[in-house]
Amino acid sequence: MSRSLKATVLISGSGSNLKALISARESGRLNIEINHVISNVANAGGLEHAEKAGIRSTVLEHGTFGRREDFDRALALLIAAGKPDLVVLAGFMRIIGPQILEPFQGRMINLHPSLLPLYRGTDTYRRALEAGDHQHGASIHFVTEELDGGPVISQVVIPVEPGDSPDSLASRLSPMEHRLLVATVELFTTHKVECRKGSVFVDGAETAAPLKLQTNGKLSA
């Protein structure tokens, strides 16, 4: 078996996506070693998932730093200590500054609850409903200096149903986000996935569009 992919996961909340990665690792689907979980929120629920799985975790509260640059520098050093192959932003509610991004460019991915390039930023469910969209979804993209603007690796699409509210839409999308994240991290474990000049390359070939999550839980064009 090939060497396990080393992953560091950044969280701010319940850690449901982290839990999905841990479950996929424990089931044997993902050949990964989650070597560090970092939270910027001291009482983030996801820290319990890390503890139960025996994964090292660290709290680095942004509010204890006088300047954003100081927090970014400390976070970059903390991530680097684990020498990860991949850094996964799984509900990490902080903008990634250049001091964090530069050392891990091309190795850092983010899960965002919209079909990018639509609805960058927050409140994506309400914005989709107000626009009258017939479908919504989630995207996983490489992190770049542009907020939610990096090359999109993969997406999952769900229909918007009559009477949907932001909460109902979010609750239906959440389990699909988990499946998308697992499938995308699996892609990194089994293929060479690169970010080159604003595009995504898999095994040296440029993807024409984001890969889509299929009903079998795999990604395809």
Protein backbone atom coordinates (compact mmCIF):
# COMPACT_ATOMS: atom_id res chain seq x y z
CA MET A 1 0.00 0.00 0.00
CA SER A 2 1.24 3.50 -0.79
CA ARG A 3 2.15 5.92 1.97
CA SER A 4 -0.79 7.49 3.77
CA LEU A 5 -1.59 11.08 2.85
CA LYS A 6 -0.81 13.36 5.79
CA ALA A 7 -3.67 15.79 6.40
CA THR A 8 -4.14 18.69 8.80
CA VAL A 9 -7.75 19.78 9.29
CA LEU A 10 -8.82 23.28 10.34
CA ILE A 11 -12.20 23.74 12.03
CA SER A 12 -14.27 26.35 13.83
CA GLY A 13 -17.49 24.52 14.70
CA SER A 14 -19.20 21.16 15.10
CA GLY A 15 -16.66 19.30 12.99
CA SER A 16 -19.19 17.19 11.10
CA ASN A 17 -16.94 17.19 8.05
CA LEU A 18 -13.97 16.18 10.18
CA LYS A 19 -16.08 13.34 11.57
CA ALA A 20 -16.86 12.21 8.00
CA LEU A 21 -13.13 12.08 7.20
CA ILE A 22 -12.39 10.15 10.39
CA SER A 23 -15.16 7.64 9.62
CA ALA A 24 -13.90 7.16 6.06
CA ARG A 25 -10.39 6.59 7.35
CA GLU A 26 -11.58 4.09 9.96
CA SER A 27 -13.65 2.19 7.38
CA GLY A 28 -10.59 1.83 5.17
CA ARG A 29 -11.86 4.03 2.37
CA LEU A 30 -9.36 6.83 2.91
CA ASN A 31 -5.65 6.13 3.09
CA ILE A 32 -4.95 9.20 5.18
CA GLU A 33 -3.30 10.12 8.44
CA ILE A 34 -5.07 13.07 10.06
CA ASN A 35 -2.11 14.19 12.13
CA HIS A 36 -3.45 17.46 13.53
CA VAL A 37 -6.77 19.22 14.04
CA ILE A 38 -6.57 22.96 14.66
CA SER A 39 -9.48 25.11 15.85
CA ASN A 40 -9.66 28.86 16.27
CA VAL A 41 -12.61 28.38 18.66
CA ALA A 42 -11.95 26.90 22.10
CA ASN A 43 -15.30 25.13 22.47
CA ALA A 44 -15.64 23.89 18.89
CA GLY A 45 -17.52 20.59 18.91
CA GLY A 46 -15.15 19.11 16.37
CA LEU A 47 -12.42 18.94 19.01
CA GLU A 48 -14.34 16.09 20.65
CA HIS A 49 -14.26 14.11 17.40
CA ALA A 50 -10.48 14.53 17.30
CA GLU A 51 -10.10 13.46 20.93
CA LYS A 52 -12.25 10.35 20.49
CA ALA A 53 -10.21 9.37 17.44
CA GLY A 54 -6.90 9.94 19.22
CA ILE A 55 -5.91 12.78 16.93
CA ARG A 56 -3.73 15.59 18.22
CA SER A 57 -5.64 18.86 18.45
CA THR A 58 -4.71 22.44 19.19
CA VAL A 59 -6.78 25.53 19.95
CA LEU A 60 -5.41 28.77 18.55
CA GLU A 61 -7.94 31.49 19.35
CA HIS A 62 -7.69 34.40 16.94
CA GLY A 63 -9.16 36.76 19.54
CA THR A 64 -6.08 36.43 21.74
CA PHE A 65 -3.90 38.03 19.09
CA GLY A 66 -3.64 41.80 18.79
CA ARG A 67 -3.06 41.72 15.05
CA ARG A 68 -4.35 39.41 12.34
CA GLU A 69 -0.81 39.05 11.00
CA ASP A 70 0.36 37.62 14.32
CA PHE A 71 -2.42 35.02 14.32
CA ASP A 72 -1.66 34.11 10.72
CA ARG A 73 2.03 33.67 11.49
CA ALA A 74 1.29 31.47 14.50
CA LEU A 75 -1.20 29.36 12.54
CA ALA A 76 1.25 28.89 9.66
CA LEU A 77 3.92 27.65 12.07
CA LEU A 78 1.44 25.32 13.78
CA ILE A 79 0.36 23.79 10.47
CA ALA A 80 3.93 23.45 9.24
CA ALA A 81 4.96 21.51 12.35
CA GLY A 82 2.90 18.54 11.14
CA LYS A 83 4.42 18.61 7.63
CA PRO A 84 1.05 17.90 5.96
CA ASP A 85 0.61 16.86 2.35
CA LEU A 86 -2.85 18.43 2.41
CA VAL A 87 -4.51 21.11 4.55
CA VAL A 88 -8.30 20.83 4.69
CA LEU A 89 -10.44 23.79 5.70
CA ALA A 90 -13.56 22.07 7.01
CA GLY A 91 -15.81 24.81 8.34
CA PHE A 92 -12.88 27.06 9.26
CA MET A 93 -14.43 30.52 9.59
CA ARG A 94 -11.38 32.69 9.09
CA ILE A 95 -10.05 34.31 5.94
CA ILE A 96 -6.70 32.79 5.02
CA GLY A 97 -4.02 35.46 4.86
CA PRO A 98 -0.90 35.36 2.70
CA GLN A 99 1.33 34.27 5.59
CA ILE A 100 -0.71 31.08 5.89
CA LEU A 101 -1.34 30.56 2.20
CA GLU A 102 2.16 30.99 0.81
CA PRO A 103 3.79 27.93 2.42
CA PHE A 104 0.84 25.68 1.54
CA GLN A 105 -0.25 26.99 -1.84
CA GLY A 106 -1.53 24.13 -3.96
CA ARG A 107 -1.90 21.96 -0.84
CA MET A 108 -4.81 23.74 0.85
CA ILE A 109 -8.48 23.10 -0.01
CA ASN A 110 -11.73 24.59 1.26
CA LEU A 111 -15.33 23.36 1.35
CA HIS A 112 -17.79 26.12 0.43
CA PRO A 113 -21.62 25.79 0.47
CA SER A 114 -22.45 27.07 -2.99
CA LEU A 115 -21.92 26.21 -6.63
CA LEU A 116 -18.96 28.47 -7.16
CA PRO A 117 -18.44 30.96 -8.69
CA LEU A 118 -21.94 31.73 -7.39
CA TYR A 119 -22.29 33.17 -3.90
CA ARG A 120 -18.85 33.59 -2.53
CA GLY A 121 -18.72 34.52 1.13
CA THR A 122 -21.48 33.89 3.67
CA ASP A 123 -25.27 33.38 3.75
CA THR A 124 -25.24 31.32 0.57
CA TYR A 125 -28.52 29.48 1.18
CA ARG A 126 -30.57 32.65 1.59
CA ARG A 127 -28.92 34.24 -1.43
CA ALA A 128 -29.66 31.20 -3.61
CA LEU A 129 -33.31 31.16 -2.53
CA GLU A 130 -33.75 34.90 -3.06
CA ALA A 131 -32.30 34.54 -6.56
CA GLY A 132 -34.90 31.89 -7.37
CA ASP A 133 -32.29 29.25 -8.14
CA HIS A 134 -33.58 25.78 -8.98
CA GLN A 135 -30.46 24.07 -7.66
CA HIS A 136 -27.84 24.64 -5.03
CA GLY A 137 -24.82 22.73 -3.86
CA ALA A 138 -21.30 22.76 -2.48
CA SER A 139 -17.85 23.16 -3.96
CA ILE A 140 -14.34 22.21 -2.94
CA HIS A 141 -11.65 24.51 -4.28
CA PHE A 142 -7.98 25.24 -3.92
CA VAL A 143 -7.44 28.14 -1.54
CA THR A 144 -5.96 31.24 -3.16
CA GLU A 145 -5.67 34.89 -2.18
CA GLU A 146 -9.12 35.53 -3.67
CA LEU A 147 -11.91 34.70 -1.21
CA ASP A 148 -13.67 31.52 -2.42
CA GLY A 149 -12.10 32.25 -5.79
CA GLY A 150 -9.60 29.44 -6.21
CA PRO A 151 -9.90 26.77 -8.92
CA VAL A 152 -12.84 24.46 -8.18
CA ILE A 153 -11.95 20.78 -7.92
CA SER A 154 -15.35 19.22 -7.29
CA GLN A 155 -19.02 19.95 -6.69
CA VAL A 156 -22.23 18.33 -5.55
CA VAL A 157 -25.61 19.58 -6.80
CA ILE A 158 -28.98 19.24 -5.07
CA PRO A 159 -32.39 20.55 -6.20
CA VAL A 160 -34.07 23.46 -4.47
CA GLU A 161 -37.48 22.20 -3.38
CA PRO A 162 -40.72 24.21 -3.10
CA GLY A 163 -40.99 25.78 0.33
CA ASP A 164 -37.29 25.47 1.09
CA SER A 165 -35.88 27.77 3.74
CA PRO A 166 -32.19 28.47 4.29
CA ASP A 167 -32.26 25.99 7.19
CA SER A 168 -33.96 23.19 5.25
CA LEU A 169 -31.65 23.69 2.30
CA ALA A 170 -28.61 23.61 4.58
CA SER A 171 -29.79 20.45 6.35
CA ARG A 172 -30.27 18.59 3.06
CA LEU A 173 -26.93 19.76 1.70
CA SER A 174 -24.90 18.88 4.81
CA PRO A 175 -24.70 15.09 4.31
CA MET A 176 -23.86 15.63 0.65
CA GLU A 177 -21.02 17.96 1.69
CA HIS A 178 -19.62 15.13 3.81
CA ARG A 179 -19.71 12.75 0.84
CA LEU A 180 -18.14 15.38 -1.42
CA LEU A 181 -15.29 16.03 1.00
CA VAL A 182 -14.53 12.33 1.43
CA ALA A 183 -14.59 11.75 -2.34
CA THR A 184 -12.33 14.74 -2.97
CA VAL A 185 -9.78 13.79 -0.33
CA GLU A 186 -9.88 10.27 -1.78
CA LEU A 187 -8.98 11.82 -5.14
CA PHE A 188 -5.85 13.30 -3.56
CA THR A 189 -4.90 9.89 -2.12
CA THR A 190 -5.23 8.06 -5.44
CA HIS A 191 -4.26 10.66 -8.04
CA LYS A 192 -1.92 13.59 -8.47
CA VAL A 193 -4.13 16.67 -8.11
CA GLU A 194 -2.53 20.02 -8.86
CA CYS A 195 -3.39 23.69 -9.10
CA ARG A 196 -1.62 25.27 -12.06
CA LYS A 197 -2.15 28.79 -13.35
CA GLY A 198 -5.74 28.97 -12.18
CA SER A 199 -6.74 25.49 -13.33
CA VAL A 200 -7.11 22.03 -11.81
CA PHE A 201 -5.01 19.17 -13.18
CA VAL A 202 -5.53 15.49 -12.35
CA ASP A 203 -2.70 13.15 -13.34
CA GLY A 204 -1.34 15.84 -15.62
CA ALA A 205 -4.58 16.50 -17.53
CA GLU A 206 -6.53 19.71 -17.08
CA THR A 207 -10.13 19.25 -15.98
CA ALA A 208 -12.59 21.04 -18.25
CA ALA A 209 -15.08 21.59 -15.42
CA PRO A 210 -15.38 20.70 -11.74
CA LEU A 211 -15.75 16.98 -11.11
CA LYS A 212 -19.26 16.05 -9.96
CA LEU A 213 -20.21 13.77 -7.09
CA GLN A 214 -22.15 10.77 -8.38
CA THR A 215 -24.72 8.63 -6.60
CA ASN A 216 -22.05 5.99 -5.93
CA GLY A 217 -20.08 8.49 -3.89
CA LYS A 218 -17.32 8.86 -6.49
CA LEU A 219 -16.26 11.84 -8.58
CA SER A 220 -16.39 11.97 -12.36
CA ALA A 221 -16.37 14.55 -15.13
